[in-house]
């Protein structure tokens, strides 16, 4: 990706936990892709830029309509790794003709971003990416459904290790959704439903056979999973020690995908896949975000978009994601 037509990627809040890991993932995939790290702490931004190479820093002021950015800065993609309740960032990106990636919106929060797109539908692509782990679990589940003749249900279970703490921005997002969000949205037996306890609760088995008590949350993964036409879809979070921690290793992040339906070879029942990132939740999120950004450049198995409102599956061919995960040293296995 040395062609300047493919950059730069502007990461707002780029030195944070997920932002910095996304920058490193993009650098691993595309050594010469120009990156711009914007934030209020110039020293942190400069330290990351020195590590990355082919990168520069920029100031950031979310109180200004121009975000405090130079007029000469013309990004191809704007990645939001900070929370912007004003959505000045989306308006600024549209004015630049830059694709905009919104990371933090829960199911009940996508309205303002959609309204902003409706007002300027031809300005540039807008991506709703308020998914768990940068949409890796959702896209991986959709990939697994390719072997099914009929999909009845998709259930995704995530295991967060308490020794793998959420970054500040991610913790604030989860606290906000938990405090002000409505009942979580799921698809159940073909109907979209807002559910409450005890329907929100679900137990599932981790990679080492231990049971975790989880609960569903209001993330937009369910919109992507519904691309499978499964009658029921849900994503649940649980906190508990992962298998790697119990082995005395660093905490990992576990993704459990269970699909009920009929396989193309005639088998029927409930089938299970596991995906583990030994570097934890933020690292897995960054890998997914990096692949979605590839999709905005037409480098993820689908055509480069010139506009439109997108979910990750409209930009990324799931086989491309699986190949990229392999390059990162990860593999989804059926068990």
Protein backbone atom coordinates (compact mmCIF):
# COMPACT_ATOMS: atom_id res chain seq x y z
CA UNK A 1 0.00 0.00 0.00
CA UNK A 2 2.72 2.50 -0.93
CA UNK A 3 0.40 4.30 -3.35
CA UNK A 4 -0.46 7.69 -1.79
CA UNK A 5 -4.03 7.28 -3.03
CA UNK A 6 -4.47 4.85 -0.16
CA UNK A 7 -3.72 7.25 2.67
CA UNK A 8 -3.31 8.73 5.06
CA UNK A 9 -5.34 7.11 7.83
CA UNK A 10 -6.07 9.64 10.58
CA UNK A 11 -6.54 8.02 13.99
CA UNK A 12 -8.19 10.37 16.49
CA UNK A 13 -6.99 9.35 19.93
CA UNK A 14 -4.45 7.17 18.21
CA UNK A 15 -2.10 6.65 21.16
CA UNK A 16 -4.77 5.05 23.37
CA UNK A 17 -5.10 1.35 24.06
CA UNK A 18 -7.09 0.32 20.96
CA UNK A 19 -5.92 3.20 18.75
CA UNK A 20 -2.23 2.46 19.19
CA UNK A 21 -2.72 -1.25 18.63
CA UNK A 22 -4.71 -0.52 15.48
CA UNK A 23 -1.88 1.68 14.22
CA UNK A 24 0.61 -1.13 14.85
CA UNK A 25 -1.63 -3.68 13.13
CA UNK A 26 -1.96 -1.43 10.08
CA UNK A 27 1.80 -0.92 10.05
CA UNK A 28 2.36 -4.69 10.15
CA UNK A 29 -0.01 -5.23 7.23
CA UNK A 30 1.08 -2.18 5.21
CA UNK A 31 4.60 -0.95 6.07
CA UNK A 32 4.35 2.25 4.00
CA UNK A 33 0.76 3.29 4.66
CA UNK A 34 0.87 6.90 5.94
CA UNK A 35 -0.66 7.26 9.39
CA UNK A 36 -1.53 10.39 11.35
CA UNK A 37 -1.85 10.10 15.13
CA UNK A 38 -3.99 12.90 16.56
CA UNK A 39 -4.58 13.71 20.19
CA UNK A 40 -4.17 16.24 22.96
CA UNK A 41 -0.98 14.70 24.37
CA UNK A 42 1.72 15.56 21.82
CA UNK A 43 4.42 13.59 23.66
CA UNK A 44 2.44 10.33 23.58
CA UNK A 45 1.58 10.85 19.93
CA UNK A 46 5.19 11.56 19.01
CA UNK A 47 6.44 8.48 20.84
CA UNK A 48 4.07 6.26 18.86
CA UNK A 49 4.96 7.97 15.58
CA UNK A 50 8.66 7.37 16.21
CA UNK A 51 7.91 3.68 16.68
CA UNK A 52 5.68 3.34 13.61
CA UNK A 53 7.58 5.17 10.89
CA UNK A 54 5.79 6.69 7.88
CA UNK A 55 3.64 8.52 10.41
CA UNK A 56 3.07 12.01 11.75
CA UNK A 57 1.29 13.70 14.65
CA UNK A 58 -1.54 16.21 14.69
CA UNK A 59 -3.25 18.21 17.45
CA UNK A 60 -6.87 17.49 18.31
CA UNK A 61 -9.54 19.78 19.75
CA UNK A 62 -13.00 18.23 19.73
CA UNK A 63 -14.55 21.57 20.73
CA UNK A 64 -13.69 23.14 17.35
CA UNK A 65 -15.48 22.51 14.08
CA UNK A 66 -12.12 22.07 12.33
CA UNK A 67 -10.94 19.80 15.19
CA UNK A 68 -7.81 21.95 15.42
CA UNK A 69 -6.39 20.14 12.39
CA UNK A 70 -4.41 21.71 9.57
CA UNK A 71 -6.28 22.55 6.37
CA UNK A 72 -3.60 20.67 4.40
CA UNK A 73 -4.45 17.38 6.12
CA UNK A 74 -6.55 15.38 3.67
CA UNK A 75 -7.07 11.88 5.11
CA UNK A 76 -8.61 9.01 3.22
CA UNK A 77 -9.97 7.45 6.41
CA UNK A 78 -10.83 8.94 9.81
CA UNK A 79 -10.87 6.40 12.63
CA UNK A 80 -12.56 7.47 15.86
CA UNK A 81 -10.66 5.99 18.82
CA UNK A 82 -12.10 8.62 21.18
CA UNK A 83 -15.71 9.40 22.05
CA UNK A 84 -17.23 12.44 20.32
CA UNK A 85 -20.77 13.15 21.50
CA UNK A 86 -21.02 16.20 19.21
CA UNK A 87 -20.23 14.23 16.03
CA UNK A 88 -18.15 17.17 14.79
CA UNK A 89 -15.68 14.53 13.71
CA UNK A 90 -18.17 12.91 11.34
CA UNK A 91 -19.05 16.28 9.82
CA UNK A 92 -15.38 17.16 9.40
CA UNK A 93 -14.64 13.82 7.73
CA UNK A 94 -17.56 14.28 5.33
CA UNK A 95 -16.29 17.75 4.42
CA UNK A 96 -12.90 16.23 3.58
CA UNK A 97 -14.44 13.39 1.56
CA UNK A 98 -12.87 10.96 4.04
CA UNK A 99 -14.37 7.66 5.08
CA UNK A 100 -15.47 7.72 8.72
CA UNK A 101 -15.28 4.76 11.12
CA UNK A 102 -17.37 5.03 14.30
CA UNK A 103 -16.14 2.59 16.95
CA UNK A 104 -18.13 3.31 20.08
CA UNK A 105 -21.84 3.41 19.25
CA UNK A 106 -24.09 0.82 20.84
CA UNK A 107 -27.30 -0.36 19.18
CA UNK A 108 -29.29 2.44 20.81
CA UNK A 109 -26.74 5.13 19.86
CA UNK A 110 -26.38 4.79 16.09
CA UNK A 111 -29.16 7.26 15.28
CA UNK A 112 -27.05 10.46 15.20
CA UNK A 113 -24.39 8.86 12.99
CA UNK A 114 -27.07 7.55 10.61
CA UNK A 115 -28.73 10.98 10.51
CA UNK A 116 -25.38 12.57 9.71
CA UNK A 117 -24.95 10.15 6.83
CA UNK A 118 -28.47 10.79 5.52
CA UNK A 119 -27.71 14.50 5.26
CA UNK A 120 -24.58 13.84 3.16
CA UNK A 121 -25.02 10.35 1.67
CA UNK A 122 -22.59 10.90 -1.20
CA UNK A 123 -19.79 12.58 0.77
CA UNK A 124 -17.84 9.45 1.76
CA UNK A 125 -18.40 6.03 3.35
CA UNK A 126 -19.54 5.87 6.98
CA UNK A 127 -18.86 2.63 8.87
CA UNK A 128 -20.80 1.60 11.97
CA UNK A 129 -18.19 -0.41 13.88
CA UNK A 130 -19.49 -0.41 17.43
CA UNK A 131 -18.87 -4.16 17.45
CA UNK A 132 -17.09 -6.30 19.97
CA UNK A 133 -13.42 -6.85 19.11
CA UNK A 134 -13.45 -4.74 15.95
CA UNK A 135 -16.09 -7.09 14.45
CA UNK A 136 -13.78 -10.13 14.48
CA UNK A 137 -16.29 -12.38 16.33
CA UNK A 138 -19.17 -11.37 14.04
CA UNK A 139 -17.19 -11.78 10.82
CA UNK A 140 -15.69 -15.07 12.02
CA UNK A 141 -19.17 -16.37 12.79
CA UNK A 142 -20.40 -15.32 9.35
CA UNK A 143 -17.42 -17.14 7.85
CA UNK A 144 -18.39 -20.32 9.68
CA UNK A 145 -21.95 -20.10 8.36
CA UNK A 146 -20.59 -20.56 4.85
CA UNK A 147 -20.54 -24.30 5.55
CA UNK A 148 -24.25 -24.37 6.43
CA UNK A 149 -27.28 -25.09 4.30
CA UNK A 150 -29.54 -23.67 7.01
CA UNK A 151 -28.66 -21.49 9.99
CA UNK A 152 -31.14 -21.44 12.85
CA UNK A 153 -29.17 -19.62 15.55
CA UNK A 154 -25.80 -17.97 16.18
CA UNK A 155 -24.60 -17.46 19.74
CA UNK A 156 -21.27 -15.76 20.39
CA UNK A 157 -19.71 -15.85 23.86
CA UNK A 158 -16.76 -13.64 24.84
CA UNK A 159 -14.57 -14.19 27.89
CA UNK A 160 -12.81 -11.12 29.31
CA UNK A 161 -9.99 -11.88 31.72
CA UNK A 162 -9.93 -9.48 34.72
CA UNK A 163 -6.15 -9.40 34.37
CA UNK A 164 -6.63 -7.93 30.86
CA UNK A 165 -8.21 -4.59 31.84
CA UNK A 166 -10.21 -2.50 29.42
CA UNK A 167 -8.52 0.65 28.18
CA UNK A 168 -9.93 3.95 29.44
CA UNK A 169 -12.06 4.64 26.36
CA UNK A 170 -13.39 1.08 26.21
CA UNK A 171 -14.22 1.10 29.92
CA UNK A 172 -16.07 4.38 29.53
CA UNK A 173 -18.04 2.94 26.62
CA UNK A 174 -19.06 -0.13 28.59
CA UNK A 175 -19.92 1.93 31.68
CA UNK A 176 -22.07 4.26 29.57
CA UNK A 177 -23.92 1.45 27.82
CA UNK A 178 -24.51 -0.31 31.14
CA UNK A 179 -25.71 2.86 32.87
CA UNK A 180 -27.97 4.47 30.25
CA UNK A 181 -28.61 1.81 27.67
CA UNK A 182 -32.01 0.17 27.25
CA UNK A 183 -32.53 -3.57 27.43
CA UNK A 184 -30.20 -5.33 24.95
CA UNK A 185 -31.42 -6.08 21.44
CA UNK A 186 -31.34 -9.66 20.16
CA UNK A 187 -32.99 -11.56 17.37
CA UNK A 188 -35.07 -14.44 18.69
CA UNK A 189 -37.04 -16.90 16.57
CA UNK A 190 -37.10 -14.46 13.68
CA UNK A 191 -38.17 -11.43 15.73
CA UNK A 192 -36.12 -8.48 16.99
CA UNK A 193 -36.65 -8.18 20.73
CA UNK A 194 -35.43 -5.95 23.55
CA UNK A 195 -34.93 -8.40 26.40
CA UNK A 196 -34.47 -8.17 30.15
CA UNK A 197 -33.37 -10.57 32.87
CA UNK A 198 -33.37 -13.52 33.01
CA UNK A 199 -33.36 -13.70 29.18
CA UNK A 200 -30.20 -11.56 29.10
CA UNK A 201 -28.29 -14.20 31.06
CA UNK A 202 -26.52 -17.14 29.44
CA UNK A 203 -23.85 -19.61 30.53
CA UNK A 204 -21.30 -20.97 28.09
CA UNK A 205 -18.14 -23.02 28.17
CA UNK A 206 -14.66 -21.56 27.77
CA UNK A 207 -11.83 -23.16 25.85
CA UNK A 208 -10.72 -25.20 28.88
CA UNK A 209 -14.16 -26.61 29.65
CA UNK A 210 -15.04 -24.28 32.53
CA UNK A 211 -18.47 -22.64 32.56
CA UNK A 212 -18.76 -18.86 32.46
CA UNK A 213 -21.85 -16.87 33.40
CA UNK A 214 -22.42 -14.22 30.77
CA UNK A 215 -24.98 -11.62 29.77
CA UNK A 216 -25.86 -10.02 26.47
CA UNK A 217 -25.09 -6.36 25.80
CA UNK A 218 -26.41 -3.81 23.32
CA UNK A 219 -23.71 -3.88 20.66
CA UNK A 220 -24.26 -3.75 16.91
CA UNK A 221 -22.77 -7.22 16.35
CA UNK A 222 -26.37 -8.46 16.12
CA UNK A 223 -26.94 -6.38 12.97
CA UNK A 224 -23.97 -8.04 11.26
CA UNK A 225 -24.88 -11.53 12.45
CA UNK A 226 -28.35 -11.08 10.99
CA UNK A 227 -26.73 -11.09 7.53
CA UNK A 228 -26.75 -14.88 7.93
CA UNK A 229 -30.57 -14.88 8.03
CA UNK A 230 -30.37 -16.87 11.26
CA UNK A 231 -33.63 -16.74 13.17
CA UNK A 232 -31.83 -16.08 16.46
CA UNK A 233 -28.61 -14.16 17.14
CA UNK A 234 -26.97 -12.85 20.30
CA UNK A 235 -23.58 -11.91 21.73
CA UNK A 236 -22.75 -12.36 25.41
CA UNK A 237 -19.93 -11.08 27.62
CA UNK A 238 -18.53 -12.90 30.64
CA UNK A 239 -15.68 -12.01 32.96
CA UNK A 240 -13.45 -14.80 34.22
CA UNK A 241 -9.95 -16.14 34.19
CA UNK A 242 -9.02 -17.47 30.78
CA UNK A 243 -7.24 -20.75 30.20
CA UNK A 244 -3.94 -18.95 29.58
CA UNK A 245 -4.03 -17.21 32.97
CA UNK A 246 -4.65 -20.51 34.73
CA UNK A 247 -1.59 -21.92 32.94
CA UNK A 248 0.50 -19.11 34.38
CA UNK A 249 0.68 -17.21 31.08
CA UNK A 250 -0.52 -13.69 30.28
CA UNK A 251 -4.28 -13.15 30.00
CA UNK A 252 -5.88 -13.85 26.65
CA UNK A 253 -9.28 -13.16 25.11
CA UNK A 254 -11.59 -16.04 24.23
CA UNK A 255 -14.28 -16.03 21.53
CA UNK A 256 -16.74 -18.92 21.50
CA UNK A 257 -18.98 -19.25 18.42
CA UNK A 258 -21.88 -21.72 18.45
CA UNK A 259 -24.09 -22.21 15.41
CA UNK A 260 -27.23 -24.31 15.28
CA UNK A 261 -28.48 -25.53 11.91
CA UNK A 262 -27.83 -27.95 9.07
CA UNK A 263 -24.38 -28.33 7.51
CA UNK A 264 -23.94 -28.74 3.76
CA UNK A 265 -22.91 -32.37 4.35
CA UNK A 266 -26.29 -33.07 5.96
CA UNK A 267 -25.27 -32.98 9.62
CA UNK A 268 -27.69 -31.18 11.89
CA UNK A 269 -27.17 -29.86 15.40
CA UNK A 270 -25.15 -27.32 17.36
CA UNK A 271 -21.55 -26.73 16.26
CA UNK A 272 -18.77 -24.87 18.02
CA UNK A 273 -15.67 -22.85 17.09
CA UNK A 274 -13.04 -21.22 19.31
CA UNK A 275 -10.78 -18.26 18.64
CA UNK A 276 -8.20 -17.08 21.18
CA UNK A 277 -5.97 -14.02 21.05
CA UNK A 278 -3.10 -14.49 23.51
CA UNK A 279 -2.53 -10.72 23.53
CA UNK A 280 -5.98 -9.91 24.90
CA UNK A 281 -9.10 -8.05 23.89
CA UNK A 282 -7.52 -4.77 22.69
CA UNK A 283 -5.12 -6.57 20.37
CA UNK A 284 -7.94 -8.57 18.80
CA UNK A 285 -10.01 -5.41 18.41
CA UNK A 286 -7.13 -3.67 16.66
CA UNK A 287 -6.72 -6.50 14.18
CA UNK A 288 -10.38 -6.36 13.25
CA UNK A 289 -10.36 -2.58 12.86
CA UNK A 290 -7.26 -2.75 10.67
CA UNK A 291 -8.95 -5.24 8.34
CA UNK A 292 -12.07 -3.06 8.10
CA UNK A 293 -9.85 -0.12 7.13
CA UNK A 294 -8.37 -2.35 4.42
CA UNK A 295 -11.94 -2.81 3.23
CA UNK A 296 -12.33 0.95 2.83
CA UNK A 297 -9.37 0.83 0.43
CA UNK A 298 -10.84 -2.11 -1.49
CA UNK A 299 -8.17 -4.45 -0.15
CA UNK A 300 -10.34 -6.94 1.75
CA UNK A 301 -11.90 -8.95 -1.05
CA UNK A 302 -14.64 -6.46 -1.98
CA UNK A 303 -14.73 -3.35 -4.15
CA UNK A 304 -13.53 -0.06 -2.72
CA UNK A 305 -16.61 1.95 -1.67
CA UNK A 306 -17.04 5.52 -2.81
CA UNK A 307 -19.89 6.22 -0.40
CA UNK A 308 -22.62 4.51 1.55
CA UNK A 309 -23.48 3.49 5.10
CA UNK A 310 -21.62 0.30 5.95
CA UNK A 311 -21.32 -2.54 8.41
CA UNK A 312 -18.04 -4.48 8.31
CA UNK A 313 -19.44 -7.42 6.33
CA UNK A 314 -20.23 -5.07 3.44
CA UNK A 315 -16.53 -4.15 3.22
CA UNK A 316 -14.70 -7.34 4.20
CA UNK A 317 -14.89 -10.78 2.62
CA UNK A 318 -14.79 -13.12 5.60
CA UNK A 319 -12.17 -15.36 4.04
CA UNK A 320 -9.87 -12.33 3.85
CA UNK A 321 -10.33 -11.75 7.57
CA UNK A 322 -9.44 -15.36 8.34
CA UNK A 323 -6.29 -15.11 6.22
CA UNK A 324 -5.28 -11.91 7.97
CA UNK A 325 -5.85 -13.49 11.37
CA UNK A 326 -3.54 -16.30 10.26
CA UNK A 327 -0.87 -13.73 9.40
CA UNK A 328 -1.30 -12.33 12.91
CA UNK A 329 -0.74 -15.83 14.30
CA UNK A 330 -4.38 -16.57 15.15
CA UNK A 331 -6.62 -19.40 13.98
CA UNK A 332 -10.26 -20.26 14.55
CA UNK A 333 -10.74 -23.96 15.21
CA UNK A 334 -13.82 -26.09 15.20
CA UNK A 335 -14.11 -28.31 18.27
